[in-house]
């Protein structure tokens, strides 16, 4: 993957937690309107890397980073860049569904607008649009005033996706979004990912090799090997699973370790 001036890319990216060097020298480009799966054993820096892509890493005490995260050619860690604006354009969905329990389903969808101080001309239309794009409108459109806590785990996760979509991000980062879900809910989230990728770039951390093969166009394999996490190989998903260049990638995707 080359490093063009459009879309999202990293160059020589490193991360630390205090004195612990968690991630070293990661350079990768995420093609626009594609899904890239980040795979590798636990503790190899995948989630850390994901948080670096929209400046969530800096919320962690004693964290540090070096290198560049380029978004349409601009380093998002530049001195004149507003991190809040970056997080609007590069949204994130976390491993555990985290809707606001005291809010209704509808209120949850637009909760991020208030936090980001974004105004919308027609809130009802936006709620319907985001829930539709998240694959949830048919299930909850008639009960938008019900509490978000009344939804199942899979529905709550899709509600969180809808909430992220309300800010109209260009990139969506997903940290193991299906790890706590049953197979049926996982399938619906995967269908949502596939539909969203027609108009946005998605980067997803997953420990499920079958899921990576199903939903991603590209895969990036990370490994630590006792030192900081490193990007071992990145390529089209079909190549990563059928003919990887590195024997460690082949061992991992074929289940020989990890």
Protein backbone atom coordinates (compact mmCIF):
# COMPACT_ATOMS: atom_id res chain seq x y z
CA UNK A 1 0.00 0.00 0.00
CA UNK A 2 1.53 3.33 -1.09
CA UNK A 3 1.23 6.64 0.73
CA UNK A 4 -0.95 9.00 -1.39
CA UNK A 5 -2.08 12.47 -0.36
CA UNK A 6 -5.77 11.50 -0.12
CA UNK A 7 -7.55 9.43 2.51
CA UNK A 8 -6.00 8.14 5.74
CA UNK A 9 -2.41 6.98 6.13
CA UNK A 10 0.33 6.67 8.75
CA UNK A 11 4.08 7.12 8.43
CA UNK A 12 6.59 5.86 10.97
CA UNK A 13 3.99 5.75 13.77
CA UNK A 14 5.12 4.89 17.32
CA UNK A 15 3.20 4.80 20.63
CA UNK A 16 4.26 4.69 24.27
CA UNK A 17 2.52 4.28 27.61
CA UNK A 18 4.95 5.95 30.02
CA UNK A 19 8.19 4.01 29.32
CA UNK A 20 6.50 1.08 27.59
CA UNK A 21 7.03 1.18 23.84
CA UNK A 22 3.72 -0.29 22.64
CA UNK A 23 3.88 0.25 18.89
CA UNK A 24 6.80 0.80 16.52
CA UNK A 25 7.24 2.25 13.04
CA UNK A 26 3.84 1.57 11.46
CA UNK A 27 3.35 2.90 7.92
CA UNK A 28 0.15 2.05 6.08
CA UNK A 29 -2.46 3.56 3.78
CA UNK A 30 -6.20 2.91 4.05
CA UNK A 31 -7.82 3.14 0.59
CA UNK A 32 -10.96 5.26 0.52
CA UNK A 33 -14.34 3.51 0.70
CA UNK A 34 -12.84 0.19 1.77
CA UNK A 35 -12.78 -1.93 4.93
CA UNK A 36 -9.39 -2.76 6.45
CA UNK A 37 -9.23 -5.43 9.16
CA UNK A 38 -6.51 -5.13 11.81
CA UNK A 39 -5.62 -8.64 12.97
CA UNK A 40 -3.06 -10.16 15.32
CA UNK A 41 -2.75 -11.62 18.84
CA UNK A 42 -3.86 -9.72 21.94
CA UNK A 43 -1.34 -7.17 23.12
CA UNK A 44 0.27 -6.44 19.75
CA UNK A 45 -0.96 -2.84 19.56
CA UNK A 46 -4.02 -3.03 17.27
CA UNK A 47 -6.36 -1.05 19.54
CA UNK A 48 -3.57 1.40 20.40
CA UNK A 49 -3.00 1.95 16.69
CA UNK A 50 -6.72 2.50 16.15
CA UNK A 51 -6.86 5.17 18.88
CA UNK A 52 -3.89 6.95 17.30
CA UNK A 53 -5.89 7.40 14.10
CA UNK A 54 -8.30 9.94 15.62
CA UNK A 55 -6.29 11.29 18.57
CA UNK A 56 -8.03 9.21 21.24
CA UNK A 57 -4.60 7.96 22.36
CA UNK A 58 -3.76 11.29 23.97
CA UNK A 59 -6.62 10.86 26.50
CA UNK A 60 -4.60 8.12 28.23
CA UNK A 61 -2.34 9.42 31.05
CA UNK A 62 1.41 9.31 30.31
CA UNK A 63 0.83 8.33 26.69
CA UNK A 64 3.05 9.58 23.88
CA UNK A 65 3.41 9.13 20.15
CA UNK A 66 5.77 9.87 17.28
CA UNK A 67 5.37 9.78 13.54
CA UNK A 68 2.55 11.04 11.34
CA UNK A 69 -1.13 10.31 10.82
CA UNK A 70 -2.04 11.88 7.50
CA UNK A 71 -5.64 12.68 6.62
CA UNK A 72 -5.96 14.01 3.07
CA UNK A 73 -2.28 14.86 3.24
CA UNK A 74 -2.48 16.82 6.53
CA UNK A 75 -0.88 15.57 9.74
CA UNK A 76 -3.72 15.36 12.29
CA UNK A 77 -1.19 15.92 15.09
CA UNK A 78 -0.08 19.25 13.63
CA UNK A 79 0.09 22.19 16.02
CA UNK A 80 -2.77 24.04 14.33
CA UNK A 81 -5.14 21.05 14.10
CA UNK A 82 -8.22 20.93 16.35
CA UNK A 83 -8.53 17.37 17.73
CA UNK A 84 -12.29 17.78 18.18
CA UNK A 85 -12.66 18.45 14.47
CA UNK A 86 -10.58 15.37 13.70
CA UNK A 87 -12.82 13.19 15.87
CA UNK A 88 -15.88 14.47 14.01
CA UNK A 89 -14.39 13.40 10.70
CA UNK A 90 -12.86 10.17 11.99
CA UNK A 91 -15.51 8.55 14.20
CA UNK A 92 -15.14 5.58 16.53
CA UNK A 93 -17.26 2.66 17.75
CA UNK A 94 -16.02 0.77 20.78
CA UNK A 95 -15.89 -2.88 21.74
CA UNK A 96 -18.66 -2.66 24.32
CA UNK A 97 -21.89 -0.89 23.27
CA UNK A 98 -22.08 2.36 25.22
CA UNK A 99 -25.41 4.10 24.58
CA UNK A 100 -26.43 6.71 27.13
CA UNK A 101 -28.89 4.75 29.32
CA UNK A 102 -30.79 7.80 30.57
CA UNK A 103 -31.57 8.93 27.00
CA UNK A 104 -34.14 7.65 24.55
CA UNK A 105 -33.18 5.84 21.36
CA UNK A 106 -33.71 9.01 19.32
CA UNK A 107 -31.81 11.21 21.76
CA UNK A 108 -28.85 8.81 21.63
CA UNK A 109 -28.52 9.19 17.87
CA UNK A 110 -28.04 12.96 18.07
CA UNK A 111 -26.22 13.10 21.42
CA UNK A 112 -22.87 13.63 19.73
CA UNK A 113 -24.13 16.73 17.92
CA UNK A 114 -24.64 18.56 21.20
CA UNK A 115 -21.22 17.54 22.50
CA UNK A 116 -19.57 18.64 19.25
CA UNK A 117 -21.70 21.82 19.07
CA UNK A 118 -23.04 20.90 15.64
CA UNK A 119 -26.47 22.19 14.58
CA UNK A 120 -28.85 20.34 12.28
CA UNK A 121 -31.82 21.76 10.41
CA UNK A 122 -33.99 18.66 10.72
CA UNK A 123 -33.23 16.40 13.66
CA UNK A 124 -35.99 13.88 12.87
CA UNK A 125 -34.75 13.31 9.35
CA UNK A 126 -31.18 12.89 10.60
CA UNK A 127 -32.27 10.33 13.20
CA UNK A 128 -34.10 8.30 10.55
CA UNK A 129 -31.19 8.55 8.12
CA UNK A 130 -28.60 7.39 10.67
CA UNK A 131 -30.72 4.55 12.04
CA UNK A 132 -31.42 3.42 8.48
CA UNK A 133 -27.74 3.45 7.58
CA UNK A 134 -26.98 1.52 10.78
CA UNK A 135 -29.57 -1.11 9.82
CA UNK A 136 -31.79 -0.35 12.80
CA UNK A 137 -34.65 1.85 11.58
CA UNK A 138 -37.07 -0.99 10.77
CA UNK A 139 -36.60 -2.40 14.27
CA UNK A 140 -36.85 0.78 16.35
CA UNK A 141 -38.40 3.49 14.14
CA UNK A 142 -41.76 3.19 15.90
CA UNK A 143 -40.32 3.50 19.42
CA UNK A 144 -37.76 6.28 19.29
CA UNK A 145 -38.88 7.55 22.72
CA UNK A 146 -38.14 4.23 24.42
CA UNK A 147 -34.98 4.12 26.57
CA UNK A 148 -31.84 2.93 24.82
CA UNK A 149 -31.41 0.39 27.61
CA UNK A 150 -34.49 -1.45 26.29
CA UNK A 151 -32.54 -2.57 23.21
CA UNK A 152 -30.64 -5.84 22.88
CA UNK A 153 -26.85 -5.83 22.87
CA UNK A 154 -26.69 -6.05 19.09
CA UNK A 155 -29.22 -3.27 18.69
CA UNK A 156 -27.29 -1.11 21.16
CA UNK A 157 -24.13 -1.57 19.12
CA UNK A 158 -25.91 -0.52 15.93
CA UNK A 159 -27.34 2.45 17.85
CA UNK A 160 -23.78 3.45 18.70
CA UNK A 161 -22.91 3.19 15.01
CA UNK A 162 -25.89 5.44 14.21
CA UNK A 163 -24.69 7.93 16.84
CA UNK A 164 -21.25 8.00 15.21
CA UNK A 165 -22.82 8.49 11.77
CA UNK A 166 -24.78 11.56 12.91
CA UNK A 167 -21.56 13.60 12.75
CA UNK A 168 -21.13 12.48 9.12
CA UNK A 169 -17.60 11.12 9.49
CA UNK A 170 -15.46 10.27 6.49
CA UNK A 171 -13.75 7.42 8.37
CA UNK A 172 -15.20 5.04 10.96
CA UNK A 173 -12.92 3.18 13.37
CA UNK A 174 -14.35 0.05 15.03
CA UNK A 175 -12.64 -1.73 17.93
CA UNK A 176 -13.92 -5.32 18.00
CA UNK A 177 -17.55 -4.17 17.58
CA UNK A 178 -18.95 -7.72 17.55
CA UNK A 179 -16.92 -9.36 20.31
CA UNK A 180 -19.81 -9.33 22.80
CA UNK A 181 -22.57 -10.16 20.31
CA UNK A 182 -24.39 -13.35 19.33
CA UNK A 183 -23.99 -14.67 15.76
CA UNK A 184 -27.25 -13.15 14.53
CA UNK A 185 -26.38 -9.68 15.84
CA UNK A 186 -22.84 -10.06 14.48
CA UNK A 187 -24.24 -10.76 11.02
CA UNK A 188 -26.40 -7.63 11.10
CA UNK A 189 -23.45 -5.46 12.19
CA UNK A 190 -21.33 -6.98 9.41
CA UNK A 191 -24.06 -6.19 6.86
CA UNK A 192 -24.05 -2.62 8.18
CA UNK A 193 -20.26 -2.39 7.75
CA UNK A 194 -20.52 -3.62 4.17
CA UNK A 195 -23.17 -1.04 3.31
CA UNK A 196 -21.35 1.84 5.02
CA UNK A 197 -18.11 1.10 3.19
CA UNK A 198 -19.73 2.14 -0.08
CA UNK A 199 -19.38 5.76 1.10
CA UNK A 200 -16.78 5.77 3.86
CA UNK A 201 -13.49 4.23 4.91
CA UNK A 202 -13.71 1.70 7.75
CA UNK A 203 -10.90 0.30 9.91
CA UNK A 204 -11.92 -2.58 12.17
CA UNK A 205 -10.00 -4.48 14.85
CA UNK A 206 -11.11 -8.09 15.00
CA UNK A 207 -9.85 -11.32 16.58
CA UNK A 208 -12.26 -13.34 14.45
CA UNK A 209 -10.46 -14.54 11.33
CA UNK A 210 -13.72 -15.56 9.67
CA UNK A 211 -15.06 -12.06 10.24
CA UNK A 212 -11.90 -10.49 8.83
CA UNK A 213 -12.25 -12.65 5.72
CA UNK A 214 -15.95 -11.77 5.37
CA UNK A 215 -15.99 -8.01 5.88
CA UNK A 216 -12.59 -6.60 4.93
CA UNK A 217 -11.09 -5.66 1.58
CA UNK A 218 -7.62 -5.36 3.11
CA UNK A 219 -5.97 -6.86 6.18
CA UNK A 220 -3.07 -5.64 8.28
CA UNK A 221 -1.32 -8.18 10.52
CA UNK A 222 0.32 -6.93 13.73
CA UNK A 223 2.69 -8.86 16.00
CA UNK A 224 4.77 -7.92 19.04
CA UNK A 225 7.18 -10.84 19.53
CA UNK A 226 8.24 -9.62 22.97
CA UNK A 227 8.97 -6.05 21.83
CA UNK A 228 6.69 -3.28 20.63
CA UNK A 229 3.86 -4.17 18.28
CA UNK A 230 4.77 -3.92 14.61
CA UNK A 231 2.97 -4.14 11.31
CA UNK A 232 4.21 -7.39 9.77
CA UNK A 233 2.23 -7.36 6.56
CA UNK A 234 -0.66 -5.51 4.89
CA UNK A 235 -2.33 -6.50 1.66
CA UNK A 236 -5.62 -7.42 0.05
CA UNK A 237 -7.53 -9.76 2.36
CA UNK A 238 -7.61 -12.53 -0.24
CA UNK A 239 -3.81 -12.46 -0.45
CA UNK A 240 -3.31 -12.34 3.32
CA UNK A 241 -5.41 -15.48 3.70
CA UNK A 242 -4.27 -17.40 0.62
CA UNK A 243 -0.69 -16.37 -0.11
CA UNK A 244 0.84 -14.13 2.60
CA UNK A 245 4.42 -13.00 2.14
CA UNK A 246 5.49 -13.64 5.75
CA UNK A 247 5.39 -17.10 7.34
CA UNK A 248 4.23 -15.56 10.63
CA UNK A 249 1.14 -14.19 8.89
CA UNK A 250 0.40 -17.61 7.45
CA UNK A 251 0.78 -19.25 10.87
CA UNK A 252 -1.60 -16.75 12.46
CA UNK A 253 -4.40 -16.79 9.89
CA UNK A 254 -4.23 -20.60 9.77
CA UNK A 255 -4.63 -20.82 13.55
CA UNK A 256 -1.17 -22.13 14.44
CA UNK A 257 -0.75 -19.47 17.14
CA UNK A 258 -2.56 -16.52 18.67
